[in-house]
mmCIF file of all heavy atoms, coordinates in Angstrom:
data_MODEL
# 
_entry.id   MODEL 
# 
loop_
_atom_site.group_PDB 
_atom_site.id 
_atom_site.type_symbol 
_atom_site.label_atom_id 
_atom_site.label_alt_id 
_atom_site.label_comp_id 
_atom_site.label_asym_id 
_atom_site.label_entity_id 
_atom_site.label_seq_id 
_atom_site.pdbx_PDB_ins_code 
_atom_site.Cartn_x 
_atom_site.Cartn_y 
_atom_site.Cartn_z 
_atom_site.occupancy 
_atom_site.B_iso_or_equiv 
_atom_site.pdbx_formal_charge 
_atom_site.auth_seq_id 
_atom_site.auth_comp_id 
_atom_site.auth_asym_id 
_atom_site.auth_atom_id 
_atom_site.pdbx_PDB_model_num 
ATOM 1   N N   . PRO A 1 1  ? 107.991 121.494 94.520  1.00 0.00 ? 1  PRO A N   1 
ATOM 2   C CA  . PRO A 1 1  ? 108.742 120.522 95.312  1.00 0.00 ? 1  PRO A CA  1 
ATOM 3   C C   . PRO A 1 1  ? 108.851 119.200 94.586  1.00 0.00 ? 1  PRO A C   1 
ATOM 4   O O   . PRO A 1 1  ? 107.949 118.795 93.856  1.00 0.00 ? 1  PRO A O   1 
ATOM 5   C CB  . PRO A 1 1  ? 107.897 120.377 96.589  1.00 0.00 ? 1  PRO A CB  1 
ATOM 6   C CG  . PRO A 1 1  ? 106.515 120.778 96.164  1.00 0.00 ? 1  PRO A CG  1 
ATOM 7   C CD  . PRO A 1 1  ? 106.692 121.852 95.135  1.00 0.00 ? 1  PRO A CD  1 
ATOM 8   N N   . GLU A 1 2  ? 109.996 118.533 94.759  1.00 0.00 ? 2  GLU A N   1 
ATOM 9   C CA  . GLU A 1 2  ? 110.224 117.225 94.170  1.00 0.00 ? 2  GLU A CA  1 
ATOM 10  C C   . GLU A 1 2  ? 109.958 116.135 95.205  1.00 0.00 ? 2  GLU A C   1 
ATOM 11  O O   . GLU A 1 2  ? 110.045 116.364 96.406  1.00 0.00 ? 2  GLU A O   1 
ATOM 12  C CB  . GLU A 1 2  ? 111.702 117.099 93.718  1.00 0.00 ? 2  GLU A CB  1 
ATOM 13  C CG  . GLU A 1 2  ? 112.120 118.163 92.720  1.00 0.00 ? 2  GLU A CG  1 
ATOM 14  C CD  . GLU A 1 2  ? 111.489 117.945 91.368  1.00 0.00 ? 2  GLU A CD  1 
ATOM 15  O OE1 . GLU A 1 2  ? 110.833 116.908 91.178  1.00 0.00 ? 2  GLU A OE1 1 
ATOM 16  O OE2 . GLU A 1 2  ? 111.633 118.819 90.502  1.00 0.00 ? 2  GLU A OE2 1 
ATOM 17  N N   . PRO A 1 3  ? 109.660 114.920 94.771  1.00 0.00 ? 3  PRO A N   1 
ATOM 18  C CA  . PRO A 1 3  ? 109.533 113.819 95.728  1.00 0.00 ? 3  PRO A CA  1 
ATOM 19  C C   . PRO A 1 3  ? 110.886 113.520 96.330  1.00 0.00 ? 3  PRO A C   1 
ATOM 20  O O   . PRO A 1 3  ? 111.919 113.755 95.710  1.00 0.00 ? 3  PRO A O   1 
ATOM 21  C CB  . PRO A 1 3  ? 109.052 112.656 94.842  1.00 0.00 ? 3  PRO A CB  1 
ATOM 22  C CG  . PRO A 1 3  ? 109.497 113.005 93.468  1.00 0.00 ? 3  PRO A CG  1 
ATOM 23  C CD  . PRO A 1 3  ? 109.446 114.511 93.387  1.00 0.00 ? 3  PRO A CD  1 
ATOM 24  N N   . ASP A 1 4  ? 110.891 113.033 97.577  1.00 0.00 ? 4  ASP A N   1 
ATOM 25  C CA  . ASP A 1 4  ? 112.175 112.741 98.190  1.00 0.00 ? 4  ASP A CA  1 
ATOM 26  C C   . ASP A 1 4  ? 112.824 111.543 97.531  1.00 0.00 ? 4  ASP A C   1 
ATOM 27  O O   . ASP A 1 4  ? 112.203 110.763 96.838  1.00 0.00 ? 4  ASP A O   1 
ATOM 28  C CB  . ASP A 1 4  ? 112.041 112.527 99.700  1.00 0.00 ? 4  ASP A CB  1 
ATOM 29  C CG  . ASP A 1 4  ? 111.110 111.379 100.042 1.00 0.00 ? 4  ASP A CG  1 
ATOM 30  O OD1 . ASP A 1 4  ? 111.155 110.360 99.338  1.00 0.00 ? 4  ASP A OD1 1 
ATOM 31  O OD2 . ASP A 1 4  ? 110.363 111.513 101.025 1.00 0.00 ? 4  ASP A OD2 1 
ATOM 32  N N   . ALA A 1 5  ? 114.146 111.445 97.733  1.00 0.00 ? 5  ALA A N   1 
ATOM 33  C CA  . ALA A 1 5  ? 114.901 110.414 97.035  1.00 0.00 ? 5  ALA A CA  1 
ATOM 34  C C   . ALA A 1 5  ? 114.462 109.021 97.422  1.00 0.00 ? 5  ALA A C   1 
ATOM 35  O O   . ALA A 1 5  ? 114.488 108.101 96.616  1.00 0.00 ? 5  ALA A O   1 
ATOM 36  C CB  . ALA A 1 5  ? 116.400 110.601 97.339  1.00 0.00 ? 5  ALA A CB  1 
ATOM 37  N N   . ALA A 1 6  ? 114.047 108.851 98.675  1.00 0.00 ? 6  ALA A N   1 
ATOM 38  C CA  . ALA A 1 6  ? 113.636 107.516 99.101  1.00 0.00 ? 6  ALA A CA  1 
ATOM 39  C C   . ALA A 1 6  ? 112.420 107.042 98.337  1.00 0.00 ? 6  ALA A C   1 
ATOM 40  O O   . ALA A 1 6  ? 112.347 105.895 97.890  1.00 0.00 ? 6  ALA A O   1 
ATOM 41  C CB  . ALA A 1 6  ? 113.343 107.528 100.599 1.00 0.00 ? 6  ALA A CB  1 
ATOM 42  N N   . SER A 1 7  ? 111.443 107.941 98.154  1.00 0.00 ? 7  SER A N   1 
ATOM 43  C CA  . SER A 1 7  ? 110.239 107.514 97.453  1.00 0.00 ? 7  SER A CA  1 
ATOM 44  C C   . SER A 1 7  ? 110.517 107.260 95.998  1.00 0.00 ? 7  SER A C   1 
ATOM 45  O O   . SER A 1 7  ? 109.827 106.490 95.349  1.00 0.00 ? 7  SER A O   1 
ATOM 46  C CB  . SER A 1 7  ? 109.148 108.581 97.587  1.00 0.00 ? 7  SER A CB  1 
ATOM 47  O OG  . SER A 1 7  ? 109.513 109.769 96.902  1.00 0.00 ? 7  SER A OG  1 
ATOM 48  N N   . ALA A 1 8  ? 111.554 107.906 95.441  1.00 0.00 ? 8  ALA A N   1 
ATOM 49  C CA  . ALA A 1 8  ? 111.852 107.706 94.024  1.00 0.00 ? 8  ALA A CA  1 
ATOM 50  C C   . ALA A 1 8  ? 112.387 106.322 93.747  1.00 0.00 ? 8  ALA A C   1 
ATOM 51  O O   . ALA A 1 8  ? 112.326 105.848 92.630  1.00 0.00 ? 8  ALA A O   1 
ATOM 52  C CB  . ALA A 1 8  ? 112.876 108.752 93.557  1.00 0.00 ? 8  ALA A CB  1 
ATOM 53  N N   . SER A 1 9  ? 112.942 105.656 94.761  1.00 0.00 ? 9  SER A N   1 
ATOM 54  C CA  . SER A 1 9  ? 113.518 104.340 94.506  1.00 0.00 ? 9  SER A CA  1 
ATOM 55  C C   . SER A 1 9  ? 112.837 103.223 95.272  1.00 0.00 ? 9  SER A C   1 
ATOM 56  O O   . SER A 1 9  ? 113.223 102.071 95.183  1.00 0.00 ? 9  SER A O   1 
ATOM 57  C CB  . SER A 1 9  ? 115.005 104.362 94.893  1.00 0.00 ? 9  SER A CB  1 
ATOM 58  O OG  . SER A 1 9  ? 115.145 104.671 96.265  1.00 0.00 ? 9  SER A OG  1 
ATOM 59  N N   . ALA A 1 10 ? 111.809 103.550 96.050  1.00 0.00 ? 10 ALA A N   1 
ATOM 60  C CA  . ALA A 1 10 ? 111.147 102.518 96.839  1.00 0.00 ? 10 ALA A CA  1 
ATOM 61  C C   . ALA A 1 10 ? 110.391 101.554 95.946  1.00 0.00 ? 10 ALA A C   1 
ATOM 62  O O   . ALA A 1 10 ? 109.897 101.924 94.897  1.00 0.00 ? 10 ALA A O   1 
ATOM 63  C CB  . ALA A 1 10 ? 110.176 103.175 97.823  1.00 0.00 ? 10 ALA A CB  1 
ATOM 64  N N   . PRO A 1 11 ? 110.293 100.276 96.338  1.00 0.00 ? 11 PRO A N   1 
ATOM 65  C CA  . PRO A 1 11 ? 109.551 99.322  95.525  1.00 0.00 ? 11 PRO A CA  1 
ATOM 66  C C   . PRO A 1 11 ? 108.102 99.735  95.382  1.00 0.00 ? 11 PRO A C   1 
ATOM 67  O O   . PRO A 1 11 ? 107.498 100.251 96.323  1.00 0.00 ? 11 PRO A O   1 
ATOM 68  C CB  . PRO A 1 11 ? 109.671 98.009  96.316  1.00 0.00 ? 11 PRO A CB  1 
ATOM 69  C CG  . PRO A 1 11 ? 110.839 98.209  97.218  1.00 0.00 ? 11 PRO A CG  1 
ATOM 70  C CD  . PRO A 1 11 ? 110.879 99.677  97.534  1.00 0.00 ? 11 PRO A CD  1 
ATOM 71  N N   . ALA A 1 12 ? 107.545 99.542  94.191  1.00 0.00 ? 12 ALA A N   1 
ATOM 72  C CA  . ALA A 1 12 ? 106.145 99.910  93.949  1.00 0.00 ? 12 ALA A CA  1 
ATOM 73  C C   . ALA A 1 12 ? 105.232 98.759  94.332  1.00 0.00 ? 12 ALA A C   1 
ATOM 74  O O   . ALA A 1 12 ? 105.578 97.600  94.233  1.00 0.00 ? 12 ALA A O   1 
ATOM 75  C CB  . ALA A 1 12 ? 105.946 100.271 92.476  1.00 0.00 ? 12 ALA A CB  1 
ATOM 76  N N   . SER A 1 13 ? 104.022 99.127  94.786  1.00 0.00 ? 13 SER A N   1 
ATOM 77  C CA  . SER A 1 13 ? 103.024 98.091  95.008  1.00 0.00 ? 13 SER A CA  1 
ATOM 78  C C   . SER A 1 13 ? 102.443 97.685  93.672  1.00 0.00 ? 13 SER A C   1 
ATOM 79  O O   . SER A 1 13 ? 102.667 98.317  92.666  1.00 0.00 ? 13 SER A O   1 
ATOM 80  C CB  . SER A 1 13 ? 101.938 98.642  95.930  1.00 0.00 ? 13 SER A CB  1 
ATOM 81  O OG  . SER A 1 13 ? 101.361 99.802  95.360  1.00 0.00 ? 13 SER A OG  1 
ATOM 82  N N   . THR A 1 14 ? 101.644 96.629  93.677  1.00 0.00 ? 14 THR A N   1 
ATOM 83  C CA  . THR A 1 14 ? 101.203 96.131  92.358  1.00 0.00 ? 14 THR A CA  1 
ATOM 84  C C   . THR A 1 14 ? 99.707  95.925  92.271  1.00 0.00 ? 14 THR A C   1 
ATOM 85  O O   . THR A 1 14 ? 99.247  94.883  91.805  1.00 0.00 ? 14 THR A O   1 
ATOM 86  C CB  . THR A 1 14 ? 101.908 94.809  92.026  1.00 0.00 ? 14 THR A CB  1 
ATOM 87  O OG1 . THR A 1 14 ? 101.593 93.886  93.071  1.00 0.00 ? 14 THR A OG1 1 
ATOM 88  C CG2 . THR A 1 14 ? 103.397 94.963  91.948  1.00 0.00 ? 14 THR A CG2 1 
ATOM 89  N N   . PRO A 1 15 ? 98.895  96.892  92.660  1.00 0.00 ? 15 PRO A N   1 
ATOM 90  C CA  . PRO A 1 15 ? 97.479  96.723  92.390  1.00 0.00 ? 15 PRO A CA  1 
ATOM 91  C C   . PRO A 1 15 ? 97.205  96.910  90.913  1.00 0.00 ? 15 PRO A C   1 
ATOM 92  O O   . PRO A 1 15 ? 98.035  97.426  90.176  1.00 0.00 ? 15 PRO A O   1 
ATOM 93  C CB  . PRO A 1 15 ? 96.826  97.844  93.214  1.00 0.00 ? 15 PRO A CB  1 
ATOM 94  C CG  . PRO A 1 15 ? 97.881  98.877  93.355  1.00 0.00 ? 15 PRO A CG  1 
ATOM 95  C CD  . PRO A 1 15 ? 99.164  98.127  93.425  1.00 0.00 ? 15 PRO A CD  1 
ATOM 96  N N   . ALA A 1 16 ? 96.026  96.503  90.475  1.00 0.00 ? 16 ALA A N   1 
ATOM 97  C CA  . ALA A 1 16 ? 95.693  96.568  89.054  1.00 0.00 ? 16 ALA A CA  1 
ATOM 98  C C   . ALA A 1 16 ? 95.669  98.005  88.579  1.00 0.00 ? 16 ALA A C   1 
ATOM 99  O O   . ALA A 1 16 ? 95.354  98.921  89.320  1.00 0.00 ? 16 ALA A O   1 
ATOM 100 C CB  . ALA A 1 16 ? 94.332  95.917  88.809  1.00 0.00 ? 16 ALA A CB  1 
ATOM 101 N N   . ALA A 1 17 ? 95.984  98.203  87.293  1.00 0.00 ? 17 ALA A N   1 
ATOM 102 C CA  . ALA A 1 17 ? 95.974  99.539  86.707  1.00 0.00 ? 17 ALA A CA  1 
ATOM 103 C C   . ALA A 1 17 ? 94.538  100.044 86.637  1.00 0.00 ? 17 ALA A C   1 
ATOM 104 O O   . ALA A 1 17 ? 93.600  99.281  86.520  1.00 0.00 ? 17 ALA A O   1 
ATOM 105 C CB  . ALA A 1 17 ? 96.589  99.506  85.314  1.00 0.00 ? 17 ALA A CB  1 
ATOM 106 N N   . ARG A 1 18 ? 94.401  101.373 86.659  1.00 0.00 ? 18 ARG A N   1 
ATOM 107 C CA  . ARG A 1 18 ? 93.083  101.987 86.654  1.00 0.00 ? 18 ARG A CA  1 
ATOM 108 C C   . ARG A 1 18 ? 92.664  102.328 85.247  1.00 0.00 ? 18 ARG A C   1 
ATOM 109 O O   . ARG A 1 18 ? 93.437  102.871 84.489  1.00 0.00 ? 18 ARG A O   1 
ATOM 110 C CB  . ARG A 1 18 ? 93.122  103.283 87.482  1.00 0.00 ? 18 ARG A CB  1 
ATOM 111 C CG  . ARG A 1 18 ? 93.491  103.076 88.922  1.00 0.00 ? 18 ARG A CG  1 
ATOM 112 C CD  . ARG A 1 18 ? 94.049  104.368 89.496  1.00 0.00 ? 18 ARG A CD  1 
ATOM 113 N NE  . ARG A 1 18 ? 95.338  104.671 88.893  1.00 0.00 ? 18 ARG A NE  1 
ATOM 114 C CZ  . ARG A 1 18 ? 95.746  105.908 88.662  1.00 0.00 ? 18 ARG A CZ  1 
ATOM 115 N NH1 . ARG A 1 18 ? 94.990  106.921 88.941  1.00 0.00 ? 18 ARG A NH1 1 
ATOM 116 N NH2 . ARG A 1 18 ? 96.923  106.125 88.131  1.00 0.00 ? 18 ARG A NH2 1 
ATOM 117 N N   . SER A 1 19 ? 91.397  102.029 84.910  1.00 0.00 ? 19 SER A N   1 
ATOM 118 C CA  . SER A 1 19 ? 90.781  102.414 83.646  1.00 0.00 ? 19 SER A CA  1 
ATOM 119 C C   . SER A 1 19 ? 91.646  102.053 82.456  1.00 0.00 ? 19 SER A C   1 
ATOM 120 O O   . SER A 1 19 ? 91.745  102.780 81.497  1.00 0.00 ? 19 SER A O   1 
ATOM 121 C CB  . SER A 1 19 ? 90.525  103.932 83.635  1.00 0.00 ? 19 SER A CB  1 
ATOM 122 O OG  . SER A 1 19 ? 89.697  104.294 84.709  1.00 0.00 ? 19 SER A OG  1 
ATOM 123 N N   . GLY A 1 20 ? 92.367  100.927 82.544  1.00 0.00 ? 20 GLY A N   1 
ATOM 124 C CA  . GLY A 1 20 ? 93.177  100.481 81.430  1.00 0.00 ? 20 GLY A CA  1 
ATOM 125 C C   . GLY A 1 20 ? 94.485  101.240 81.290  1.00 0.00 ? 20 GLY A C   1 
ATOM 126 O O   . GLY A 1 20 ? 95.244  101.006 80.378  1.00 0.00 ? 20 GLY A O   1 
ATOM 127 N N   . ARG A 1 21 ? 94.768  102.193 82.205  1.00 0.00 ? 21 ARG A N   1 
ATOM 128 C CA  . ARG A 1 21 ? 95.994  102.972 82.083  1.00 0.00 ? 21 ARG A CA  1 
ATOM 129 C C   . ARG A 1 21 ? 97.071  102.376 82.952  1.00 0.00 ? 21 ARG A C   1 
ATOM 130 O O   . ARG A 1 21 ? 96.818  101.751 83.955  1.00 0.00 ? 21 ARG A O   1 
ATOM 131 C CB  . ARG A 1 21 ? 95.742  104.423 82.521  1.00 0.00 ? 21 ARG A CB  1 
ATOM 132 C CG  . ARG A 1 21 ? 94.727  105.122 81.655  1.00 0.00 ? 21 ARG A CG  1 
ATOM 133 C CD  . ARG A 1 21 ? 94.543  106.549 82.111  1.00 0.00 ? 21 ARG A CD  1 
ATOM 134 N NE  . ARG A 1 21 ? 95.791  107.273 82.008  1.00 0.00 ? 21 ARG A NE  1 
ATOM 135 C CZ  . ARG A 1 21 ? 96.495  107.679 83.047  1.00 0.00 ? 21 ARG A CZ  1 
ATOM 136 N NH1 . ARG A 1 21 ? 96.105  107.409 84.260  1.00 0.00 ? 21 ARG A NH1 1 
ATOM 137 N NH2 . ARG A 1 21 ? 97.610  108.343 82.882  1.00 0.00 ? 21 ARG A NH2 1 
ATOM 138 N N   . ARG A 1 22 ? 98.325  102.600 82.557  1.00 0.00 ? 22 ARG A N   1 
ATOM 139 C CA  . ARG A 1 22 ? 99.428  102.044 83.319  1.00 0.00 ? 22 ARG A CA  1 
ATOM 140 C C   . ARG A 1 22 ? 99.711  102.888 84.541  1.00 0.00 ? 22 ARG A C   1 
ATOM 141 O O   . ARG A 1 22 ? 99.553  104.097 84.538  1.00 0.00 ? 22 ARG A O   1 
ATOM 142 C CB  . ARG A 1 22 ? 100.676 101.999 82.430  1.00 0.00 ? 22 ARG A CB  1 
ATOM 143 C CG  . ARG A 1 22 ? 100.529 100.942 81.344  1.00 0.00 ? 22 ARG A CG  1 
ATOM 144 C CD  . ARG A 1 22 ? 101.676 101.040 80.377  1.00 0.00 ? 22 ARG A CD  1 
ATOM 145 N NE  . ARG A 1 22 ? 101.617 99.937  79.418  1.00 0.00 ? 22 ARG A NE  1 
ATOM 146 C CZ  . ARG A 1 22 ? 102.359 99.883  78.330  1.00 0.00 ? 22 ARG A CZ  1 
ATOM 147 N NH1 . ARG A 1 22 ? 103.194 100.835 78.052  1.00 0.00 ? 22 ARG A NH1 1 
ATOM 148 N NH2 . ARG A 1 22 ? 102.271 98.870  77.523  1.00 0.00 ? 22 ARG A NH2 1 
ATOM 149 N N   . ARG A 1 23 ? 100.150 102.209 85.602  1.00 0.00 ? 23 ARG A N   1 
ATOM 150 C CA  . ARG A 1 23 ? 100.485 102.917 86.822  1.00 0.00 ? 23 ARG A CA  1 
ATOM 151 C C   . ARG A 1 23 ? 101.893 103.466 86.706  1.00 0.00 ? 23 ARG A C   1 
ATOM 152 O O   . ARG A 1 23 ? 102.764 102.859 86.127  1.00 0.00 ? 23 ARG A O   1 
ATOM 153 C CB  . ARG A 1 23 ? 100.394 101.970 88.024  1.00 0.00 ? 23 ARG A CB  1 
ATOM 154 C CG  . ARG A 1 23 ? 98.990  101.480 88.240  1.00 0.00 ? 23 ARG A CG  1 
ATOM 155 C CD  . ARG A 1 23 ? 98.901  100.571 89.424  1.00 0.00 ? 23 ARG A CD  1 
ATOM 156 N NE  . ARG A 1 23 ? 99.646  99.346  89.239  1.00 0.00 ? 23 ARG A NE  1 
ATOM 157 C CZ  . ARG A 1 23 ? 100.840 99.126  89.736  1.00 0.00 ? 23 ARG A CZ  1 
ATOM 158 N NH1 . ARG A 1 23 ? 101.442 100.059 90.436  1.00 0.00 ? 23 ARG A NH1 1 
ATOM 159 N NH2 . ARG A 1 23 ? 101.458 97.989  89.542  1.00 0.00 ? 23 ARG A NH2 1 
ATOM 160 N N   . LEU A 1 24 ? 102.119 104.637 87.285  1.00 0.00 ? 24 LEU A N   1 
ATOM 161 C CA  . LEU A 1 24 ? 103.361 105.337 87.052  1.00 0.00 ? 24 LEU A CA  1 
ATOM 162 C C   . LEU A 1 24 ? 104.010 105.791 88.343  1.00 0.00 ? 24 LEU A C   1 
ATOM 163 O O   . LEU A 1 24 ? 103.344 106.091 89.305  1.00 0.00 ? 24 LEU A O   1 
ATOM 164 C CB  . LEU A 1 24 ? 103.110 106.571 86.180  1.00 0.00 ? 24 LEU A CB  1 
ATOM 165 C CG  . LEU A 1 24 ? 102.347 106.311 84.891  1.00 0.00 ? 24 LEU A CG  1 
ATOM 166 C CD1 . LEU A 1 24 ? 101.984 107.630 84.237  1.00 0.00 ? 24 LEU A CD1 1 
ATOM 167 C CD2 . LEU A 1 24 ? 103.143 105.478 83.947  1.00 0.00 ? 24 LEU A CD2 1 
ATOM 168 N N   . ARG A 1 25 ? 105.305 105.873 88.330  1.00 0.00 ? 25 ARG A N   1 
ATOM 169 C CA  . ARG A 1 25 ? 106.026 106.498 89.429  1.00 0.00 ? 25 ARG A CA  1 
ATOM 170 C C   . ARG A 1 25 ? 106.854 107.632 88.855  1.00 0.00 ? 25 ARG A C   1 
ATOM 171 O O   . ARG A 1 25 ? 107.546 107.468 87.874  1.00 0.00 ? 25 ARG A O   1 
ATOM 172 C CB  . ARG A 1 25 ? 106.968 105.509 90.104  1.00 0.00 ? 25 ARG A CB  1 
ATOM 173 C CG  . ARG A 1 25 ? 107.892 106.184 91.112  1.00 0.00 ? 25 ARG A CG  1 
ATOM 174 C CD  . ARG A 1 25 ? 108.932 105.221 91.575  1.00 0.00 ? 25 ARG A CD  1 
ATOM 175 N NE  . ARG A 1 25 ? 108.270 104.022 92.011  1.00 0.00 ? 25 ARG A NE  1 
ATOM 176 C CZ  . ARG A 1 25 ? 108.305 103.575 93.239  1.00 0.00 ? 25 ARG A CZ  1 
ATOM 177 N NH1 . ARG A 1 25 ? 109.000 104.194 94.133  1.00 0.00 ? 25 ARG A NH1 1 
ATOM 178 N NH2 . ARG A 1 25 ? 107.669 102.497 93.578  1.00 0.00 ? 25 ARG A NH2 1 
# 
C-alpha cells in the first residue's frame, strides 16, 4: 500500500533529527 495523497503533501513537523540522521517523508 502507498501513503495517501494528502499525507504526501502535508506540511512536515520539525522536531530534531534522530541520531544525526535526516528526517524523511
